[in-house]
Amino acid sequence: MAKILVTPEEIDKASKLFRDSFDQSETMVTKLNSTMASMQGQWEGMTQTKFFQQYDQAKREMENYKKMLDAVSIDLAAISKRFRDADLQN
């Protein structure tokens, strides 16, 4: 049988850290996208086109990062619950 040395409270703390990071990332991405949208209308040409193509790729990567933070937070919360439930059974 595996020995678990981490407490549910420690896992909850890690889950909250990922949740808080997700929330902060969400706010930052919204601000960045707003800034880029306002710049896009004031800038034309090949450089603008190339830059915004690259930025579109970066936006997808930022969304993937946010999804990862969210998923890890949810997974950790579920693990913490399982540990608590197991402790109650013993």
PDB file of N, CA and C in Angstrom:
ATOM      1  N   MET A   1       0.841  -1.179   0.000  1.00  0.00           N
ATOM      2  CA  MET A   1       0.000   0.000   0.000  1.00  0.00           C
ATOM      3  C   MET A   1       0.892   1.251   0.000  1.00  0.00           C
ATOM      4  N   ALA A   2       0.496   2.242  -0.744  1.00  0.00           N
ATOM      5  CA  ALA A   2       1.270   3.482  -0.850  1.00  0.00           C
ATOM      6  C   ALA A   2       1.157   4.285   0.435  1.00  0.00           C
ATOM      7  N   LYS A   3       2.226   4.962   0.764  1.00  0.00           N
ATOM      8  CA  LYS A   3       2.248   5.816   1.950  1.00  0.00           C
ATOM      9  C   LYS A   3       2.052   7.257   1.490  1.00  0.00           C
ATOM     10  N   ILE A   4       1.034   7.921   2.025  1.00  0.00           N
ATOM     11  CA  ILE A   4       0.719   9.300   1.645  1.00  0.00           C
ATOM     12  C   ILE A   4       1.172  10.223   2.772  1.00  0.00           C
ATOM     13  N   LEU A   5       2.121  11.076   2.466  1.00  0.00           N
ATOM     14  CA  LEU A   5       2.670  11.980   3.472  1.00  0.00           C
ATOM     15  C   LEU A   5       2.116  13.398   3.353  1.00  0.00           C
ATOM     16  N   VAL A   6       1.457  13.685   2.270  1.00  0.00           N
ATOM     17  CA  VAL A   6       0.903  15.020   2.056  1.00  0.00           C
ATOM     18  C   VAL A   6      -0.517  15.042   2.636  1.00  0.00           C
ATOM     19  N   THR A   7      -0.879  16.163   3.243  1.00  0.00           N
ATOM     20  CA  THR A   7      -2.213  16.273   3.843  1.00  0.00           C
ATOM     21  C   THR A   7      -3.208  16.841   2.833  1.00  0.00           C
ATOM     22  N   PRO A   8      -4.496  16.580   3.045  1.00  0.00           N
ATOM     23  CA  PRO A   8      -5.505  17.192   2.176  1.00  0.00           C
ATOM     24  C   PRO A   8      -5.422  18.716   2.186  1.00  0.00           C
ATOM     25  N   GLU A   9      -5.057  19.278   3.328  1.00  0.00           N
ATOM     26  CA  GLU A   9      -4.932  20.737   3.424  1.00  0.00           C
ATOM     27  C   GLU A   9      -3.814  21.268   2.527  1.00  0.00           C
ATOM     28  N   GLU A  10      -2.717  20.540   2.455  1.00  0.00           N
ATOM     29  CA  GLU A  10      -1.619  20.946   1.569  1.00  0.00           C
ATOM     30  C   GLU A  10      -2.051  20.863   0.104  1.00  0.00           C
ATOM     31  N   ILE A  11      -2.804  19.836  -0.213  1.00  0.00           N
ATOM     32  CA  ILE A  11      -3.296  19.692  -1.589  1.00  0.00           C
ATOM     33  C   ILE A  11      -4.289  20.803  -1.901  1.00  0.00           C
ATOM     34  N   ASP A  12      -5.160  21.127  -0.934  1.00  0.00           N
ATOM     35  CA  ASP A  12      -6.100  22.243  -1.121  1.00  0.00           C
ATOM     36  C   ASP A  12      -5.358  23.554  -1.368  1.00  0.00           C
ATOM     37  N   LYS A  13      -4.274  23.755  -0.627  1.00  0.00           N
ATOM     38  CA  LYS A  13      -3.469  24.976  -0.788  1.00  0.00           C
ATOM     39  C   LYS A  13      -2.889  25.049  -2.203  1.00  0.00           C
ATOM     40  N   ALA A  14      -2.385  23.926  -2.695  1.00  0.00           N
ATOM     41  CA  ALA A  14      -1.842  23.890  -4.060  1.00  0.00           C
ATOM     42  C   ALA A  14      -2.952  24.124  -5.075  1.00  0.00           C
ATOM     43  N   SER A  15      -4.114  23.512  -4.839  1.00  0.00           N
ATOM     44  CA  SER A  15      -5.249  23.703  -5.740  1.00  0.00           C
ATOM     45  C   SER A  15      -5.640  25.176  -5.810  1.00  0.00           C
ATOM     46  N   LYS A  16      -5.677  25.828  -4.639  1.00  0.00           N
ATOM     47  CA  LYS A  16      -6.025  27.251  -4.597  1.00  0.00           C
ATOM     48  C   LYS A  16      -4.985  28.095  -5.328  1.00  0.00           C
ATOM     49  N   LEU A  17      -3.723  27.733  -5.196  1.00  0.00           N
ATOM     50  CA  LEU A  17      -2.671  28.468  -5.904  1.00  0.00           C
ATOM     51  C   LEU A  17      -2.888  28.387  -7.418  1.00  0.00           C
ATOM     52  N   PHE A  18      -3.217  27.199  -7.909  1.00  0.00           N
ATOM     53  CA  PHE A  18      -3.496  27.060  -9.338  1.00  0.00           C
ATOM     54  C   PHE A  18      -4.757  27.827  -9.724  1.00  0.00           C
ATOM     55  N   ARG A  19      -5.787  27.800  -8.880  1.00  0.00           N
ATOM     56  CA  ARG A  19      -7.026  28.538  -9.153  1.00  0.00           C
ATOM     57  C   ARG A  19      -6.741  30.033  -9.191  1.00  0.00           C
ATOM     58  N   ASP A  20      -5.987  30.537  -8.213  1.00  0.00           N
ATOM     59  CA  ASP A  20      -5.641  31.964  -8.190  1.00  0.00           C
ATOM     60  C   ASP A  20      -4.820  32.344  -9.420  1.00  0.00           C
ATOM     61  N   SER A  21      -3.903  31.479  -9.819  1.00  0.00           N
ATOM     62  CA  SER A  21      -3.093  31.739 -11.014  1.00  0.00           C
ATOM     63  C   SER A  21      -3.966  31.764 -12.259  1.00  0.00           C
ATOM     64  N   PHE A  22      -4.945  30.872 -12.312  1.00  0.00           N
ATOM     65  CA  PHE A  22      -5.898  30.880 -13.424  1.00  0.00           C
ATOM     66  C   PHE A  22      -6.636  32.217 -13.465  1.00  0.00           C
ATOM     67  N   ASP A  23      -7.152  32.654 -12.315  1.00  0.00           N
ATOM     68  CA  ASP A  23      -7.896  33.918 -12.261  1.00  0.00           C
ATOM     69  C   ASP A  23      -7.027  35.095 -12.691  1.00  0.00           C
ATOM     70  N   GLN A  24      -5.783  35.129 -12.208  1.00  0.00           N
ATOM     71  CA  GLN A  24      -4.868  36.207 -12.587  1.00  0.00           C
ATOM     72  C   GLN A  24      -4.560  36.162 -14.083  1.00  0.00           C
ATOM     73  N   SER A  25      -4.375  34.968 -14.605  1.00  0.00           N
ATOM     74  CA  SER A  25      -4.091  34.812 -16.039  1.00  0.00           C
ATOM     75  C   SER A  25      -5.274  35.266 -16.874  1.00  0.00           C
ATOM     76  N   GLU A  26      -6.470  34.939 -16.410  1.00  0.00           N
ATOM     77  CA  GLU A  26      -7.685  35.350 -17.115  1.00  0.00           C
ATOM     78  C   GLU A  26      -7.753  36.873 -17.211  1.00  0.00           C
ATOM     79  N   THR A  27      -7.475  37.546 -16.103  1.00  0.00           N
ATOM     80  CA  THR A  27      -7.483  39.011 -16.080  1.00  0.00           C
ATOM     81  C   THR A  27      -6.406  39.573 -17.006  1.00  0.00           C
ATOM     82  N   MET A  28      -5.212  39.015 -16.939  1.00  0.00           N
ATOM     83  CA  MET A  28      -4.099  39.506 -17.752  1.00  0.00           C
ATOM     84  C   MET A  28      -4.372  39.298 -19.240  1.00  0.00           C
ATOM     85  N   VAL A  29      -4.872  38.139 -19.608  1.00  0.00           N
ATOM     86  CA  VAL A  29      -5.151  37.855 -21.020  1.00  0.00           C
ATOM     87  C   VAL A  29      -6.218  38.813 -21.547  1.00  0.00           C
ATOM     88  N   THR A  30      -7.222  39.095 -20.741  1.00  0.00           N
ATOM     89  CA  THR A  30      -8.264  40.043 -21.148  1.00  0.00           C
ATOM     90  C   THR A  30      -7.663  41.423 -21.403  1.00  0.00           C
ATOM     91  N   LYS A  31      -6.783  41.868 -20.502  1.00  0.00           N
ATOM     92  CA  LYS A  31      -6.130  43.174 -20.676  1.00  0.00           C
ATOM     93  C   LYS A  31      -5.246  43.187 -21.924  1.00  0.00           C
ATOM     94  N   LEU A  32      -4.477  42.127 -22.116  1.00  0.00           N
ATOM     95  CA  LEU A  32      -3.598  42.058 -23.291  1.00  0.00           C
ATOM     96  C   LEU A  32      -4.401  42.063 -24.583  1.00  0.00           C
ATOM     97  N   ASN A  33      -5.459  41.275 -24.620  1.00  0.00           N
ATOM     98  CA  ASN A  33      -6.285  41.219 -25.827  1.00  0.00           C
ATOM     99  C   ASN A  33      -6.942  42.560 -26.115  1.00  0.00           C
ATOM    100  N   SER A  34      -7.363  43.252 -25.082  1.00  0.00           N
ATOM    101  CA  SER A  34      -7.961  44.573 -25.255  1.00  0.00           C
ATOM    102  C   SER A  34      -6.937  45.562 -25.818  1.00  0.00           C
ATOM    103  N   THR A  35      -5.734  45.526 -25.281  1.00  0.00           N
ATOM    104  CA  THR A  35      -4.665  46.402 -25.766  1.00  0.00           C
ATOM    105  C   THR A  35      -4.353  46.114 -27.229  1.00  0.00           C
ATOM    106  N   MET A  36      -4.236  44.844 -27.566  1.00  0.00           N
ATOM    107  CA  MET A  36      -3.919  44.463 -28.947  1.00  0.00           C
ATOM    108  C   MET A  36      -5.047  44.837 -29.900  1.00  0.00           C
ATOM    109  N   ALA A  37      -6.286  44.678 -29.466  1.00  0.00           N
ATOM    110  CA  ALA A  37      -7.422  45.026 -30.324  1.00  0.00           C
ATOM    111  C   ALA A  37      -7.442  46.520 -30.625  1.00  0.00           C
ATOM    112  N   SER A  38      -7.128  47.343 -29.624  1.00  0.00           N
ATOM    113  CA  SER A  38      -7.122  48.788 -29.870  1.00  0.00           C
ATOM    114  C   SER A  38      -5.959  49.195 -30.767  1.00  0.00           C
ATOM    115  N   MET A  39      -4.827  48.514 -30.656  1.00  0.00           N
ATOM    116  CA  MET A  39      -3.684  48.816 -31.521  1.00  0.00           C
ATOM    117  C   MET A  39      -3.934  48.370 -32.957  1.00  0.00           C
ATOM    118  N   GLN A  40      -4.618  47.254 -33.113  1.00  0.00           N
ATOM    119  CA  GLN A  40      -4.800  46.679 -34.445  1.00  0.00           C
ATOM    120  C   GLN A  40      -5.527  47.642 -35.380  1.00  0.00           C
ATOM    121  N   GLY A  41      -6.476  48.380 -34.854  1.00  0.00           N
ATOM    122  CA  GLY A  41      -7.222  49.312 -35.679  1.00  0.00           C
ATOM    123  C   GLY A  41      -6.435  50.547 -36.073  1.00  0.00           C
ATOM    124  N   GLN A  42      -5.295  50.764 -35.451  1.00  0.00           N
ATOM    125  CA  GLN A  42      -4.502  51.968 -35.700  1.00  0.00           C
ATOM    126  C   GLN A  42      -3.202  51.673 -36.434  1.00  0.00           C
ATOM    127  N   TRP A  43      -3.108  50.494 -37.019  1.00  0.00           N
ATOM    128  CA  TRP A  43      -1.839  50.041 -37.575  1.00  0.00           C
ATOM    129  C   TRP A  43      -2.150  49.193 -38.794  1.00  0.00           C
ATOM    130  N   GLU A  44      -1.521  49.499 -39.896  1.00  0.00           N
ATOM    131  CA  GLU A  44      -1.747  48.749 -41.131  1.00  0.00           C
ATOM    132  C   GLU A  44      -0.413  48.376 -41.757  1.00  0.00           C
ATOM    133  N   GLY A  45      -0.462  47.406 -42.635  1.00  0.00           N
ATOM    134  CA  GLY A  45       0.727  47.032 -43.383  1.00  0.00           C
ATOM    135  C   GLY A  45       1.161  45.614 -43.095  1.00  0.00           C
ATOM    136  N   MET A  46       2.227  45.216 -43.785  1.00  0.00           N
ATOM    137  CA  MET A  46       2.733  43.850 -43.679  1.00  0.00           C
ATOM    138  C   MET A  46       3.234  43.529 -42.268  1.00  0.00           C
ATOM    139  N   THR A  47       3.885  44.497 -41.632  1.00  0.00           N
ATOM    140  CA  THR A  47       4.390  44.260 -40.280  1.00  0.00           C
ATOM    141  C   THR A  47       3.235  43.983 -39.325  1.00  0.00           C
ATOM    142  N   GLN A  48       2.152  44.763 -39.463  1.00  0.00           N
ATOM    143  CA  GLN A  48       0.974  44.564 -38.623  1.00  0.00           C
ATOM    144  C   GLN A  48       0.377  43.192 -38.868  1.00  0.00           C
ATOM    145  N   THR A  49       0.251  42.812 -40.124  1.00  0.00           N
ATOM    146  CA  THR A  49      -0.328  41.516 -40.477  1.00  0.00           C
ATOM    147  C   THR A  49       0.484  40.377 -39.875  1.00  0.00           C
ATOM    148  N   LYS A  50       1.794  40.439 -40.047  1.00  0.00           N
ATOM    149  CA  LYS A  50       2.662  39.386 -39.513  1.00  0.00           C
ATOM    150  C   LYS A  50       2.597  39.338 -37.987  1.00  0.00           C
ATOM    151  N   PHE A  51       2.656  40.515 -37.367  1.00  0.00           N
ATOM    152  CA  PHE A  51       2.613  40.557 -35.908  1.00  0.00           C
ATOM    153  C   PHE A  51       1.326  39.937 -35.378  1.00  0.00           C
ATOM    154  N   PHE A  52       0.194  40.306 -35.958  1.00  0.00           N
ATOM    155  CA  PHE A  52      -1.073  39.806 -35.432  1.00  0.00           C
ATOM    156  C   PHE A  52      -1.307  38.333 -35.759  1.00  0.00           C
ATOM    157  N   GLN A  53      -0.683  37.839 -36.801  1.00  0.00           N
ATOM    158  CA  GLN A  53      -0.718  36.393 -37.026  1.00  0.00           C
ATOM    159  C   GLN A  53       0.029  35.684 -35.896  1.00  0.00           C
ATOM    160  N   GLN A  54       1.181  36.229 -35.524  1.00  0.00           N
ATOM    161  CA  GLN A  54       1.953  35.659 -34.413  1.00  0.00           C
ATOM    162  C   GLN A  54       1.196  35.804 -33.093  1.00  0.00           C
ATOM    163  N   TYR A  55       0.545  36.943 -32.923  1.00  0.00           N
ATOM    164  CA  TYR A  55      -0.204  37.163 -31.684  1.00  0.00           C
ATOM    165  C   TYR A  55      -1.382  36.194 -31.585  1.00  0.00           C
ATOM    166  N   ASP A  56      -2.019  35.896 -32.706  1.00  0.00           N
ATOM    167  CA  ASP A  56      -3.112  34.915 -32.689  1.00  0.00           C
ATOM    168  C   ASP A  56      -2.614  33.563 -32.190  1.00  0.00           C
ATOM    169  N   GLN A  57      -1.424  33.168 -32.605  1.00  0.00           N
ATOM    170  CA  GLN A  57      -0.831  31.924 -32.107  1.00  0.00           C
ATOM    171  C   GLN A  57      -0.561  32.034 -30.605  1.00  0.00           C
ATOM    172  N   ALA A  58      -0.038  33.166 -30.182  1.00  0.00           N
ATOM    173  CA  ALA A  58       0.235  33.373 -28.754  1.00  0.00           C
ATOM    174  C   ALA A  58      -1.061  33.327 -27.940  1.00  0.00           C
ATOM    175  N   LYS A  59      -2.148  33.865 -28.495  1.00  0.00           N
ATOM    176  CA  LYS A  59      -3.439  33.811 -27.798  1.00  0.00           C
ATOM    177  C   LYS A  59      -3.878  32.370 -27.570  1.00  0.00           C
ATOM    178  N   ARG A  60      -3.693  31.528 -28.565  1.00  0.00           N
ATOM    179  CA  ARG A  60      -4.052  30.108 -28.410  1.00  0.00           C
ATOM    180  C   ARG A  60      -3.206  29.461 -27.314  1.00  0.00           C
ATOM    181  N   GLU A  61      -1.931  29.811 -27.278  1.00  0.00           N
ATOM    182  CA  GLU A  61      -1.050  29.263 -26.243  1.00  0.00           C
ATOM    183  C   GLU A  61      -1.454  29.760 -24.856  1.00  0.00           C
ATOM    184  N   MET A  62      -1.850  31.026 -24.761  1.00  0.00           N
ATOM    185  CA  MET A  62      -2.313  31.558 -23.476  1.00  0.00           C
ATOM    186  C   MET A  62      -3.587  30.842 -23.030  1.00  0.00           C
ATOM    187  N   GLU A  63      -4.489  30.585 -23.954  1.00  0.00           N
ATOM    188  CA  GLU A  63      -5.720  29.858 -23.618  1.00  0.00           C
ATOM    189  C   GLU A  63      -5.399  28.441 -23.150  1.00  0.00           C
ATOM    190  N   ASN A  64      -4.458  27.786 -23.807  1.00  0.00           N
ATOM    191  CA  ASN A  64      -4.049  26.443 -23.382  1.00  0.00           C
ATOM    192  C   ASN A  64      -3.443  26.474 -21.979  1.00  0.00           C
ATOM    193  N   TYR A  65      -2.654  27.490 -21.699  1.00  0.00           N
ATOM    194  CA  TYR A  65      -2.054  27.650 -20.370  1.00  0.00           C
ATOM    195  C   TYR A  65      -3.144  27.814 -19.313  1.00  0.00           C
ATOM    196  N   LYS A  66      -4.132  28.663 -19.608  1.00  0.00           N
ATOM    197  CA  LYS A  66      -5.233  28.852 -18.667  1.00  0.00           C
ATOM    198  C   LYS A  66      -5.990  27.548 -18.444  1.00  0.00           C
ATOM    199  N   LYS A  67      -6.234  26.798 -19.512  1.00  0.00           N
ATOM    200  CA  LYS A  67      -6.934  25.511 -19.381  1.00  0.00           C
ATOM    201  C   LYS A  67      -6.143  24.550 -18.508  1.00  0.00           C
ATOM    202  N   MET A  68      -4.821  24.553 -18.654  1.00  0.00           N
ATOM    203  CA  MET A  68      -3.975  23.685 -17.840  1.00  0.00           C
ATOM    204  C   MET A  68      -4.067  24.075 -16.371  1.00  0.00           C
ATOM    205  N   LEU A  69      -3.999  25.371 -16.072  1.00  0.00           N
ATOM    206  CA  LEU A  69      -4.114  25.821 -14.687  1.00  0.00           C
ATOM    207  C   LEU A  69      -5.446  25.392 -14.086  1.00  0.00           C
ATOM    208  N   ASP A  70      -6.507  25.561 -14.848  1.00  0.00           N
ATOM    209  CA  ASP A  70      -7.843  25.182 -14.397  1.00  0.00           C
ATOM    210  C   ASP A  70      -7.925  23.676 -14.147  1.00  0.00           C
ATOM    211  N   ALA A  71      -7.419  22.896 -15.084  1.00  0.00           N
ATOM    212  CA  ALA A  71      -7.482  21.434 -14.966  1.00  0.00           C
ATOM    213  C   ALA A  71      -6.691  20.940 -13.758  1.00  0.00           C
ATOM    214  N   VAL A  72      -5.510  21.494 -13.540  1.00  0.00           N
ATOM    215  CA  VAL A  72      -4.694  21.069 -12.399  1.00  0.00           C
ATOM    216  C   VAL A  72      -5.397  21.430 -11.087  1.00  0.00           C
ATOM    217  N   SER A  73      -5.984  22.614 -11.024  1.00  0.00           N
ATOM    218  CA  SER A  73      -6.713  23.019  -9.824  1.00  0.00           C
ATOM    219  C   SER A  73      -7.858  22.054  -9.527  1.00  0.00           C
ATOM    220  N   ILE A  74      -8.615  21.712 -10.550  1.00  0.00           N
ATOM    221  CA  ILE A  74      -9.741  20.781 -10.387  1.00  0.00           C
ATOM    222  C   ILE A  74      -9.242  19.401  -9.970  1.00  0.00           C
ATOM    223  N   ASP A  75      -8.188  18.925 -10.616  1.00  0.00           N
ATOM    224  CA  ASP A  75      -7.631  17.606 -10.279  1.00  0.00           C
ATOM    225  C   ASP A  75      -7.153  17.561  -8.829  1.00  0.00           C
ATOM    226  N   LEU A  76      -6.444  18.600  -8.405  1.00  0.00           N
ATOM    227  CA  LEU A  76      -5.948  18.630  -7.030  1.00  0.00           C
ATOM    228  C   LEU A  76      -7.099  18.664  -6.024  1.00  0.00           C
ATOM    229  N   ALA A  77      -8.139  19.423  -6.321  1.00  0.00           N
ATOM    230  CA  ALA A  77      -9.299  19.470  -5.425  1.00  0.00           C
ATOM    231  C   ALA A  77      -9.950  18.093  -5.312  1.00  0.00           C
ATOM    232  N   ALA A  78     -10.042  17.379  -6.424  1.00  0.00           N
ATOM    233  CA  ALA A  78     -10.624  16.033  -6.413  1.00  0.00           C
ATOM    234  C   ALA A  78      -9.750  15.066  -5.610  1.00  0.00           C
ATOM    235  N   ILE A  79      -8.445  15.183  -5.758  1.00  0.00           N
ATOM    236  CA  ILE A  79      -7.523  14.325  -5.002  1.00  0.00           C
ATOM    237  C   ILE A  79      -7.658  14.603  -3.508  1.00  0.00           C
ATOM    238  N   SER A  80      -7.727  15.864  -3.145  1.00  0.00           N
ATOM    239  CA  SER A  80      -7.890  16.233  -1.745  1.00  0.00           C
ATOM    240  C   SER A  80      -9.169  15.630  -1.170  1.00  0.00           C
ATOM    241  N   LYS A  81     -10.242  15.686  -1.929  1.00  0.00           N
ATOM    242  CA  LYS A  81     -11.516  15.108  -1.479  1.00  0.00           C
ATOM    243  C   LYS A  81     -11.387  13.601  -1.284  1.00  0.00           C
ATOM    244  N   ARG A  82     -10.742  12.930  -2.223  1.00  0.00           N
ATOM    245  CA  ARG A  82     -10.554  11.479  -2.089  1.00  0.00           C
ATOM    246  C   ARG A  82      -9.732  11.144  -0.843  1.00  0.00           C
ATOM    247  N   PHE A  83      -8.689  11.939  -0.583  1.00  0.00           N
ATOM    248  CA  PHE A  83      -7.867  11.703   0.605  1.00  0.00           C
ATOM    249  C   PHE A  83      -8.699  11.896   1.876  1.00  0.00           C
ATOM    250  N   ARG A  84      -9.508  12.950   1.909  1.00  0.00           N
ATOM    251  CA  ARG A  84     -10.359  13.204   3.077  1.00  0.00           C
ATOM    252  C   ARG A  84     -11.353  12.056   3.272  1.00  0.00           C
ATOM    253  N   ASP A  85     -11.975  11.653   2.167  1.00  0.00           N
ATOM    254  CA  ASP A  85     -12.938  10.545   2.243  1.00  0.00           C
ATOM    255  C   ASP A  85     -12.271   9.272   2.747  1.00  0.00           C
ATOM    256  N   ALA A  86     -11.062   9.005   2.274  1.00  0.00           N
ATOM    257  CA  ALA A  86     -10.330   7.818   2.719  1.00  0.00           C
ATOM    258  C   ALA A  86      -9.994   7.918   4.204  1.00  0.00           C
ATOM    259  N   ASP A  87      -9.621   9.119   4.652  1.00  0.00           N
ATOM    260  CA  ASP A  87      -9.319   9.311   6.072  1.00  0.00           C
ATOM    261  C   ASP A  87     -10.553   9.066   6.936  1.00  0.00           C
ATOM    262  N   LEU A  88     -11.724   9.459   6.443  1.00  0.00           N
ATOM    263  CA  LEU A  88     -12.961   9.255   7.196  1.00  0.00           C
ATOM    264  C   LEU A  88     -13.326   7.779   7.300  1.00  0.00           C
ATOM    265  N   GLN A  89     -12.921   7.004   6.304  1.00  0.00           N
ATOM    266  CA  GLN A  89     -13.200   5.571   6.299  1.00  0.00           C
ATOM    267  C   GLN A  89     -12.337   4.819   7.305  1.00  0.00           C
ATOM    268  N   ASN A  90     -11.188   5.394   7.644  1.00  0.00           N
ATOM    269  CA  ASN A  90     -10.241   4.707   8.551  1.00  0.00           C
ATOM    270  C   ASN A  90     -10.468   5.059   9.974  1.00  0.00           C
TER     271      ASN A  90
END
